[in-house]
Amino acid sequence: MTPSQIREKIIVERTAWIKKMIEGIQVLPIDSIESFLSDPRNIASAESYLRRGLEALMDLGRHVLAKGFGKAVAEYKEIPMELRRQGVLQSEDATLMRELAGYRNRMVHFYDEVTTDELYHICHDQLSDVERILAAILTWVNSNPELLDRSL
């Protein structure tokens, strides 16, 4: 695969989607586990918002790798390590993003093992992890404007 330019449009669209998914979680009643569990639709909504947000975050990383470096990465859990190798993420952020990818995989493939308590904890206490990784990728993109294709 040959490197080309990272499409700014993709960066903007994925970023907006991730933020929309985070906002969807934040408007749910996550102030307490009791309020979160009071309506089963909260659980389904939180799972959907979180999964789709994590998928968009991984897709954003995959786009940076494919276009910016000519690196094709198939598995979500491989994306963070390749972003680290390419200097997009620091080691600690790559490790965190790998954990997020693993959680997304559990949500999709081992959905019956994800507990509502675990989902609540992530939505209540760890959404900032998603925001942190997004910010790290965007910082790198903004530091490398020569790699951006700004055309529509």
N, C-alpha and C. Protein backbone atom coordinates (compact mmCIF):
# COMPACT_ATOMS: atom_id res chain seq x y z
N MET A 1 0.85 -1.17 0.00
CA MET A 1 0.00 0.00 0.00
C MET A 1 0.90 1.24 0.00
N THR A 2 0.57 2.19 -0.83
CA THR A 2 1.35 3.40 -0.96
C THR A 2 0.75 4.53 -0.13
N PRO A 3 1.56 5.22 0.65
CA PRO A 3 1.02 6.37 1.40
C PRO A 3 0.50 7.44 0.46
N SER A 4 -0.54 8.11 0.88
CA SER A 4 -1.06 9.25 0.14
C SER A 4 -1.34 10.34 1.16
N GLN A 5 -2.42 11.04 1.01
CA GLN A 5 -2.74 12.07 1.99
C GLN A 5 -3.94 11.65 2.83
N ILE A 6 -3.90 12.04 4.07
CA ILE A 6 -4.99 11.78 5.01
C ILE A 6 -6.13 12.73 4.64
N ARG A 7 -7.31 12.19 4.47
CA ARG A 7 -8.44 13.02 4.06
C ARG A 7 -9.01 13.77 5.26
N GLU A 8 -8.90 15.07 5.20
CA GLU A 8 -9.43 15.91 6.28
C GLU A 8 -10.91 15.66 6.50
N LYS A 9 -11.63 15.43 5.43
CA LYS A 9 -13.08 15.17 5.53
C LYS A 9 -13.34 13.95 6.42
N ILE A 10 -12.55 12.90 6.26
CA ILE A 10 -12.72 11.69 7.08
C ILE A 10 -12.40 12.01 8.54
N ILE A 11 -11.34 12.77 8.77
CA ILE A 11 -10.96 13.14 10.14
C ILE A 11 -12.10 13.91 10.81
N VAL A 12 -12.65 14.88 10.10
CA VAL A 12 -13.72 15.71 10.65
C VAL A 12 -14.98 14.85 10.90
N GLU A 13 -15.34 14.01 9.95
CA GLU A 13 -16.55 13.19 10.10
C GLU A 13 -16.43 12.19 11.25
N ARG A 14 -15.30 11.49 11.34
CA ARG A 14 -15.12 10.51 12.43
C ARG A 14 -15.07 11.21 13.79
N THR A 15 -14.40 12.36 13.84
CA THR A 15 -14.33 13.11 15.10
C THR A 15 -15.72 13.53 15.54
N ALA A 16 -16.51 14.06 14.62
CA ALA A 16 -17.88 14.48 14.95
C ALA A 16 -18.71 13.29 15.43
N TRP A 17 -18.54 12.15 14.79
CA TRP A 17 -19.30 10.95 15.17
C TRP A 17 -18.92 10.50 16.58
N ILE A 18 -17.63 10.46 16.86
CA ILE A 18 -17.16 10.04 18.19
C ILE A 18 -17.72 10.97 19.25
N LYS A 19 -17.66 12.25 19.01
CA LYS A 19 -18.19 13.22 19.98
C LYS A 19 -19.69 13.07 20.15
N LYS A 20 -20.39 12.78 19.07
CA LYS A 20 -21.85 12.56 19.14
C LYS A 20 -22.16 11.32 19.99
N MET A 21 -21.37 10.27 19.85
CA MET A 21 -21.59 9.06 20.63
C MET A 21 -21.30 9.31 22.11
N ILE A 22 -20.25 10.07 22.41
CA ILE A 22 -19.94 10.40 23.79
C ILE A 22 -21.07 11.24 24.39
N GLU A 23 -21.55 12.21 23.63
CA GLU A 23 -22.67 13.05 24.11
C GLU A 23 -23.91 12.20 24.36
N GLY A 24 -24.15 11.20 23.51
CA GLY A 24 -25.29 10.30 23.71
C GLY A 24 -25.20 9.57 25.03
N ILE A 25 -24.02 9.16 25.40
CA ILE A 25 -23.83 8.49 26.70
C ILE A 25 -24.01 9.49 27.84
N GLN A 26 -23.47 10.68 27.66
CA GLN A 26 -23.50 11.66 28.75
C GLN A 26 -24.92 12.13 29.09
N VAL A 27 -25.86 12.03 28.17
CA VAL A 27 -27.23 12.45 28.48
C VAL A 27 -28.04 11.33 29.12
N LEU A 28 -27.48 10.13 29.16
CA LEU A 28 -28.16 9.03 29.84
C LEU A 28 -28.07 9.25 31.35
N PRO A 29 -28.97 8.64 32.11
CA PRO A 29 -28.89 8.78 33.58
C PRO A 29 -27.76 7.91 34.14
N ILE A 30 -26.55 8.46 34.12
CA ILE A 30 -25.40 7.70 34.62
C ILE A 30 -24.84 8.29 35.91
N ASP A 31 -25.67 9.10 36.59
CA ASP A 31 -25.23 9.67 37.86
C ASP A 31 -25.14 8.61 38.95
N SER A 32 -25.90 7.52 38.80
CA SER A 32 -25.82 6.41 39.76
C SER A 32 -26.18 5.12 39.02
N ILE A 33 -25.70 4.02 39.56
CA ILE A 33 -26.00 2.72 38.97
C ILE A 33 -27.50 2.44 39.02
N GLU A 34 -28.14 2.91 40.07
CA GLU A 34 -29.59 2.68 40.22
C GLU A 34 -30.37 3.39 39.11
N SER A 35 -30.01 4.63 38.84
CA SER A 35 -30.73 5.36 37.79
C SER A 35 -30.40 4.77 36.42
N PHE A 36 -29.18 4.33 36.23
CA PHE A 36 -28.79 3.70 34.97
C PHE A 36 -29.59 2.43 34.72
N LEU A 37 -29.77 1.63 35.76
CA LEU A 37 -30.48 0.35 35.63
C LEU A 37 -32.00 0.49 35.68
N SER A 38 -32.50 1.68 35.95
CA SER A 38 -33.94 1.88 36.12
C SER A 38 -34.74 1.61 34.84
N ASP A 39 -34.10 1.70 33.70
CA ASP A 39 -34.77 1.47 32.42
C ASP A 39 -33.82 0.67 31.54
N PRO A 40 -34.23 -0.51 31.09
CA PRO A 40 -33.33 -1.34 30.27
C PRO A 40 -32.88 -0.65 28.98
N ARG A 41 -33.62 0.34 28.54
CA ARG A 41 -33.21 1.07 27.33
C ARG A 41 -31.93 1.85 27.55
N ASN A 42 -31.65 2.23 28.79
CA ASN A 42 -30.39 2.92 29.10
C ASN A 42 -29.20 2.02 28.79
N ILE A 43 -29.31 0.77 29.16
CA ILE A 43 -28.23 -0.19 28.95
C ILE A 43 -28.00 -0.39 27.45
N ALA A 44 -29.08 -0.60 26.72
CA ALA A 44 -28.97 -0.80 25.27
C ALA A 44 -28.41 0.44 24.58
N SER A 45 -28.86 1.59 25.01
CA SER A 45 -28.36 2.84 24.42
C SER A 45 -26.88 3.03 24.71
N ALA A 46 -26.49 2.81 25.95
CA ALA A 46 -25.09 2.99 26.33
C ALA A 46 -24.20 2.04 25.55
N GLU A 47 -24.62 0.80 25.43
CA GLU A 47 -23.83 -0.18 24.68
C GLU A 47 -23.68 0.25 23.23
N SER A 48 -24.75 0.68 22.63
CA SER A 48 -24.70 1.09 21.22
C SER A 48 -23.83 2.32 21.02
N TYR A 49 -24.04 3.34 21.83
CA TYR A 49 -23.23 4.55 21.73
C TYR A 49 -21.74 4.24 21.93
N LEU A 50 -21.43 3.46 22.94
CA LEU A 50 -20.04 3.15 23.25
C LEU A 50 -19.40 2.33 22.13
N ARG A 51 -20.08 1.30 21.69
CA ARG A 51 -19.53 0.46 20.62
C ARG A 51 -19.29 1.26 19.35
N ARG A 52 -20.27 2.05 18.95
CA ARG A 52 -20.12 2.83 17.71
C ARG A 52 -19.04 3.91 17.85
N GLY A 53 -18.92 4.49 19.03
CA GLY A 53 -17.87 5.47 19.25
C GLY A 53 -16.49 4.83 19.18
N LEU A 54 -16.35 3.65 19.78
CA LEU A 54 -15.07 2.95 19.74
C LEU A 54 -14.73 2.51 18.32
N GLU A 55 -15.72 2.05 17.58
CA GLU A 55 -15.48 1.66 16.19
C GLU A 55 -15.01 2.85 15.36
N ALA A 56 -15.64 4.00 15.56
CA ALA A 56 -15.22 5.20 14.83
C ALA A 56 -13.81 5.61 15.21
N LEU A 57 -13.44 5.47 16.48
CA LEU A 57 -12.09 5.80 16.92
C LEU A 57 -11.07 4.88 16.24
N MET A 58 -11.38 3.60 16.18
CA MET A 58 -10.48 2.65 15.51
C MET A 58 -10.41 2.94 14.01
N ASP A 59 -11.54 3.26 13.42
CA ASP A 59 -11.56 3.59 11.99
C ASP A 59 -10.75 4.85 11.69
N LEU A 60 -10.79 5.80 12.59
CA LEU A 60 -9.98 7.01 12.45
C LEU A 60 -8.49 6.64 12.45
N GLY A 61 -8.09 5.83 13.40
CA GLY A 61 -6.70 5.37 13.44
C GLY A 61 -6.32 4.59 12.21
N ARG A 62 -7.22 3.74 11.74
CA ARG A 62 -6.96 2.96 10.52
C ARG A 62 -6.78 3.87 9.31
N HIS A 63 -7.57 4.92 9.23
CA HIS A 63 -7.46 5.86 8.11
C HIS A 63 -6.10 6.57 8.13
N VAL A 64 -5.68 7.02 9.30
CA VAL A 64 -4.37 7.68 9.43
C VAL A 64 -3.26 6.73 8.98
N LEU A 65 -3.34 5.48 9.38
CA LEU A 65 -2.32 4.51 9.00
C LEU A 65 -2.34 4.21 7.51
N ALA A 66 -3.52 4.01 6.96
CA ALA A 66 -3.62 3.66 5.54
C ALA A 66 -3.17 4.80 4.64
N LYS A 67 -3.68 5.97 4.89
CA LYS A 67 -3.38 7.10 4.01
C LYS A 67 -2.04 7.75 4.34
N GLY A 68 -1.77 7.97 5.60
CA GLY A 68 -0.56 8.67 5.98
C GLY A 68 0.71 7.85 5.87
N PHE A 69 0.58 6.52 6.06
CA PHE A 69 1.78 5.67 6.11
C PHE A 69 1.74 4.49 5.15
N GLY A 70 0.61 4.30 4.47
CA GLY A 70 0.50 3.16 3.57
C GLY A 70 0.47 1.83 4.30
N LYS A 71 -0.04 1.84 5.53
CA LYS A 71 -0.09 0.63 6.36
C LYS A 71 -1.52 0.11 6.45
N ALA A 72 -1.73 -1.10 5.97
CA ALA A 72 -3.04 -1.74 6.06
C ALA A 72 -3.09 -2.56 7.34
N VAL A 73 -4.04 -2.23 8.19
CA VAL A 73 -4.19 -2.95 9.46
C VAL A 73 -5.61 -3.48 9.52
N ALA A 74 -5.74 -4.78 9.65
CA ALA A 74 -7.06 -5.41 9.61
C ALA A 74 -7.74 -5.46 10.97
N GLU A 75 -7.01 -5.80 12.00
CA GLU A 75 -7.59 -6.01 13.32
C GLU A 75 -7.55 -4.74 14.16
N TYR A 76 -8.65 -4.45 14.85
CA TYR A 76 -8.71 -3.26 15.69
C TYR A 76 -7.58 -3.21 16.72
N LYS A 77 -7.25 -4.35 17.31
CA LYS A 77 -6.23 -4.36 18.37
C LYS A 77 -4.83 -4.11 17.82
N GLU A 78 -4.64 -4.22 16.51
CA GLU A 78 -3.34 -3.93 15.88
C GLU A 78 -3.16 -2.44 15.61
N ILE A 79 -4.25 -1.73 15.45
CA ILE A 79 -4.19 -0.31 15.08
C ILE A 79 -3.38 0.51 16.08
N PRO A 80 -3.64 0.41 17.38
CA PRO A 80 -2.88 1.24 18.33
C PRO A 80 -1.37 0.99 18.31
N MET A 81 -0.98 -0.26 18.17
CA MET A 81 0.45 -0.56 18.18
C MET A 81 1.13 0.00 16.93
N GLU A 82 0.44 -0.05 15.81
CA GLU A 82 1.01 0.52 14.59
C GLU A 82 1.03 2.04 14.67
N LEU A 83 0.02 2.63 15.29
CA LEU A 83 0.04 4.08 15.50
C LEU A 83 1.22 4.48 16.37
N ARG A 84 1.56 3.67 17.35
CA ARG A 84 2.73 3.92 18.20
C ARG A 84 4.01 3.80 17.38
N ARG A 85 4.11 2.73 16.58
CA ARG A 85 5.32 2.53 15.76
C ARG A 85 5.54 3.69 14.80
N GLN A 86 4.46 4.28 14.34
CA GLN A 86 4.58 5.38 13.37
C GLN A 86 4.72 6.75 14.06
N GLY A 87 4.68 6.76 15.38
CA GLY A 87 4.87 8.00 16.11
C GLY A 87 3.62 8.84 16.30
N VAL A 88 2.47 8.27 15.98
CA VAL A 88 1.20 9.00 16.15
C VAL A 88 0.81 9.00 17.62
N LEU A 89 0.98 7.88 18.29
CA LEU A 89 0.63 7.76 19.71
C LEU A 89 1.86 7.45 20.53
N GLN A 90 1.86 7.95 21.75
CA GLN A 90 2.87 7.56 22.73
C GLN A 90 2.51 6.16 23.24
N SER A 91 3.45 5.50 23.84
CA SER A 91 3.26 4.13 24.30
C SER A 91 2.06 3.97 25.23
N GLU A 92 1.93 4.88 26.20
CA GLU A 92 0.83 4.79 27.16
C GLU A 92 -0.53 4.93 26.47
N ASP A 93 -0.63 5.85 25.50
CA ASP A 93 -1.88 6.02 24.77
C ASP A 93 -2.18 4.83 23.87
N ALA A 94 -1.14 4.25 23.28
CA ALA A 94 -1.33 3.06 22.45
C ALA A 94 -1.85 1.90 23.29
N THR A 95 -1.31 1.76 24.49
CA THR A 95 -1.77 0.70 25.38
C THR A 95 -3.25 0.92 25.75
N LEU A 96 -3.60 2.15 26.07
CA LEU A 96 -4.98 2.47 26.40
C LEU A 96 -5.91 2.21 25.21
N MET A 97 -5.49 2.64 24.02
CA MET A 97 -6.32 2.43 22.83
C MET A 97 -6.49 0.94 22.55
N ARG A 98 -5.45 0.16 22.80
CA ARG A 98 -5.54 -1.29 22.61
C ARG A 98 -6.58 -1.89 23.58
N GLU A 99 -6.59 -1.40 24.80
CA GLU A 99 -7.61 -1.86 25.76
C GLU A 99 -9.01 -1.49 25.28
N LEU A 100 -9.16 -0.29 24.74
CA LEU A 100 -10.46 0.12 24.20
C LEU A 100 -10.87 -0.78 23.03
N ALA A 101 -9.92 -1.12 22.17
CA ALA A 101 -10.21 -2.01 21.05
C ALA A 101 -10.63 -3.39 21.56
N GLY A 102 -9.95 -3.85 22.58
CA GLY A 102 -10.30 -5.14 23.17
C GLY A 102 -11.70 -5.12 23.76
N TYR A 103 -12.06 -4.01 24.40
CA TYR A 103 -13.40 -3.91 24.97
C TYR A 103 -14.45 -3.90 23.87
N ARG A 104 -14.18 -3.17 22.80
CA ARG A 104 -15.10 -3.17 21.66
C ARG A 104 -15.27 -4.59 21.13
N ASN A 105 -14.18 -5.33 21.00
CA ASN A 105 -14.26 -6.71 20.51
C ASN A 105 -15.09 -7.58 21.44
N ARG A 106 -14.93 -7.38 22.73
CA ARG A 106 -15.74 -8.13 23.70
C ARG A 106 -17.22 -7.79 23.53
N MET A 107 -17.51 -6.51 23.31
CA MET A 107 -18.90 -6.09 23.16
C MET A 107 -19.55 -6.76 21.95
N VAL A 108 -18.78 -6.97 20.91
CA VAL A 108 -19.31 -7.54 19.68
C VAL A 108 -19.30 -9.07 19.70
N HIS A 109 -18.20 -9.66 20.12
CA HIS A 109 -18.04 -11.11 20.01
C HIS A 109 -18.38 -11.88 21.27
N PHE A 110 -18.27 -11.22 22.42
CA PHE A 110 -18.56 -11.88 23.70
C PHE A 110 -19.57 -11.04 24.48
N TYR A 111 -20.56 -10.55 23.77
CA TYR A 111 -21.57 -9.64 24.32
C TYR A 111 -22.25 -10.20 25.56
N ASP A 112 -22.37 -11.50 25.63
CA ASP A 112 -23.04 -12.11 26.78
C ASP A 112 -22.18 -12.08 28.05
N GLU A 113 -20.89 -11.74 27.90
CA GLU A 113 -20.00 -11.67 29.05
C GLU A 113 -19.84 -10.25 29.59
N VAL A 114 -20.32 -9.26 28.86
CA VAL A 114 -20.21 -7.87 29.29
C VAL A 114 -21.34 -7.59 30.27
N THR A 115 -21.00 -7.26 31.50
CA THR A 115 -22.02 -7.04 32.52
C THR A 115 -22.52 -5.60 32.48
N THR A 116 -23.71 -5.39 33.01
CA THR A 116 -24.25 -4.04 33.07
C THR A 116 -23.43 -3.17 34.03
N ASP A 117 -22.91 -3.77 35.09
CA ASP A 117 -22.05 -3.03 36.01
C ASP A 117 -20.79 -2.54 35.31
N GLU A 118 -20.20 -3.40 34.51
CA GLU A 118 -18.99 -3.04 33.75
C GLU A 118 -19.30 -1.92 32.76
N LEU A 119 -20.40 -2.05 32.05
CA LEU A 119 -20.80 -1.03 31.08
C LEU A 119 -21.05 0.31 31.79
N TYR A 120 -21.73 0.27 32.91
CA TYR A 120 -21.98 1.48 33.68
C TYR A 120 -20.65 2.12 34.11
N HIS A 121 -19.75 1.32 34.63
CA HIS A 121 -18.46 1.84 35.10
C HIS A 121 -17.71 2.54 33.96
N ILE A 122 -17.69 1.94 32.81
CA ILE A 122 -16.99 2.54 31.67
C ILE A 122 -17.65 3.85 31.27
N CYS A 123 -18.98 3.85 31.18
CA CYS A 123 -19.70 5.06 30.78
C CYS A 123 -19.59 6.16 31.83
N HIS A 124 -19.56 5.80 33.08
CA HIS A 124 -19.50 6.77 34.17
C HIS A 124 -18.09 7.28 34.43
N ASP A 125 -17.11 6.37 34.37
CA ASP A 125 -15.76 6.71 34.83
C ASP A 125 -14.68 6.77 33.75
N GLN A 126 -14.95 6.24 32.56
CA GLN A 126 -13.85 6.10 31.61
C GLN A 126 -14.09 6.70 30.23
N LEU A 127 -15.13 7.47 30.06
CA LEU A 127 -15.33 8.12 28.76
C LEU A 127 -14.18 9.04 28.41
N SER A 128 -13.53 9.57 29.41
CA SER A 128 -12.39 10.46 29.17
C SER A 128 -11.25 9.71 28.47
N ASP A 129 -11.21 8.38 28.59
CA ASP A 129 -10.18 7.61 27.88
C ASP A 129 -10.38 7.73 26.37
N VAL A 130 -11.62 7.66 25.93
CA VAL A 130 -11.93 7.80 24.51
C VAL A 130 -11.55 9.20 24.05
N GLU A 131 -11.91 10.20 24.84
CA GLU A 131 -11.58 11.59 24.50
C GLU A 131 -10.07 11.80 24.47
N ARG A 132 -9.36 11.16 25.37
CA ARG A 132 -7.89 11.29 25.43
C ARG A 132 -7.24 10.75 24.15
N ILE A 133 -7.68 9.58 23.70
CA ILE A 133 -7.09 8.99 22.49
C ILE A 133 -7.46 9.82 21.27
N LEU A 134 -8.69 10.26 21.20
CA LEU A 134 -9.11 11.12 20.10
C LEU A 134 -8.23 12.37 20.06
N ALA A 135 -8.04 13.00 21.20
CA ALA A 135 -7.22 14.21 21.26
C ALA A 135 -5.78 13.94 20.83
N ALA A 136 -5.24 12.80 21.21
CA ALA A 136 -3.86 12.46 20.83
C ALA A 136 -3.73 12.30 19.31
N ILE A 137 -4.68 11.62 18.71
CA ILE A 137 -4.65 11.45 17.25
C ILE A 137 -4.80 12.79 16.56
N LEU A 138 -5.74 13.61 17.03
CA LEU A 138 -5.96 14.92 16.42
C LEU A 138 -4.76 15.84 16.60
N THR A 139 -4.10 15.74 17.73
CA THR A 139 -2.89 16.54 17.94
C THR A 139 -1.83 16.17 16.90
N TRP A 140 -1.67 14.88 16.67
CA TRP A 140 -0.69 14.44 15.67
C TRP A 140 -1.10 14.93 14.28
N VAL A 141 -2.37 14.77 13.93
CA VAL A 141 -2.85 15.21 12.61
C VAL A 141 -2.60 16.71 12.44
N ASN A 142 -2.95 17.49 13.45
CA ASN A 142 -2.77 18.94 13.37
C ASN A 142 -1.30 19.35 13.33
N SER A 143 -0.43 18.50 13.85
CA SER A 143 1.01 18.77 13.81
C SER A 143 1.64 18.39 12.48
N ASN A 144 0.87 17.74 11.62
CA ASN A 144 1.36 17.28 10.33
C ASN A 144 0.45 17.73 9.20
N PRO A 145 0.20 19.04 9.07
CA PRO A 145 -0.76 19.53 8.07
C PRO A 145 -0.37 19.21 6.63
N GLU A 146 0.91 18.98 6.39
CA GLU A 146 1.37 18.65 5.04
C GLU A 146 0.85 17.29 4.57
N LEU A 147 0.39 16.47 5.50
CA LEU A 147 -0.14 15.15 5.15
C LEU A 147 -1.64 15.16 4.88
N LEU A 148 -2.28 16.33 5.01
CA LEU A 148 -3.73 16.41 4.87
C LEU A 148 -4.16 16.76 3.46
N ASP A 149 -5.16 16.04 3.00
CA ASP A 149 -5.87 16.38 1.77
C ASP A 149 -7.11 17.16 2.21
N ARG A 150 -7.12 18.43 1.92
CA ARG A 150 -8.20 19.30 2.37
C ARG A 150 -9.32 19.44 1.35
N SER A 151 -9.24 18.72 0.24
CA SER A 151 -10.29 18.82 -0.77
C SER A 151 -11.55 18.09 -0.31
N LEU A 152 -12.66 18.50 -0.87
CA LEU A 152 -13.92 17.84 -0.53
C LEU A 152 -14.00 16.59 -1.33
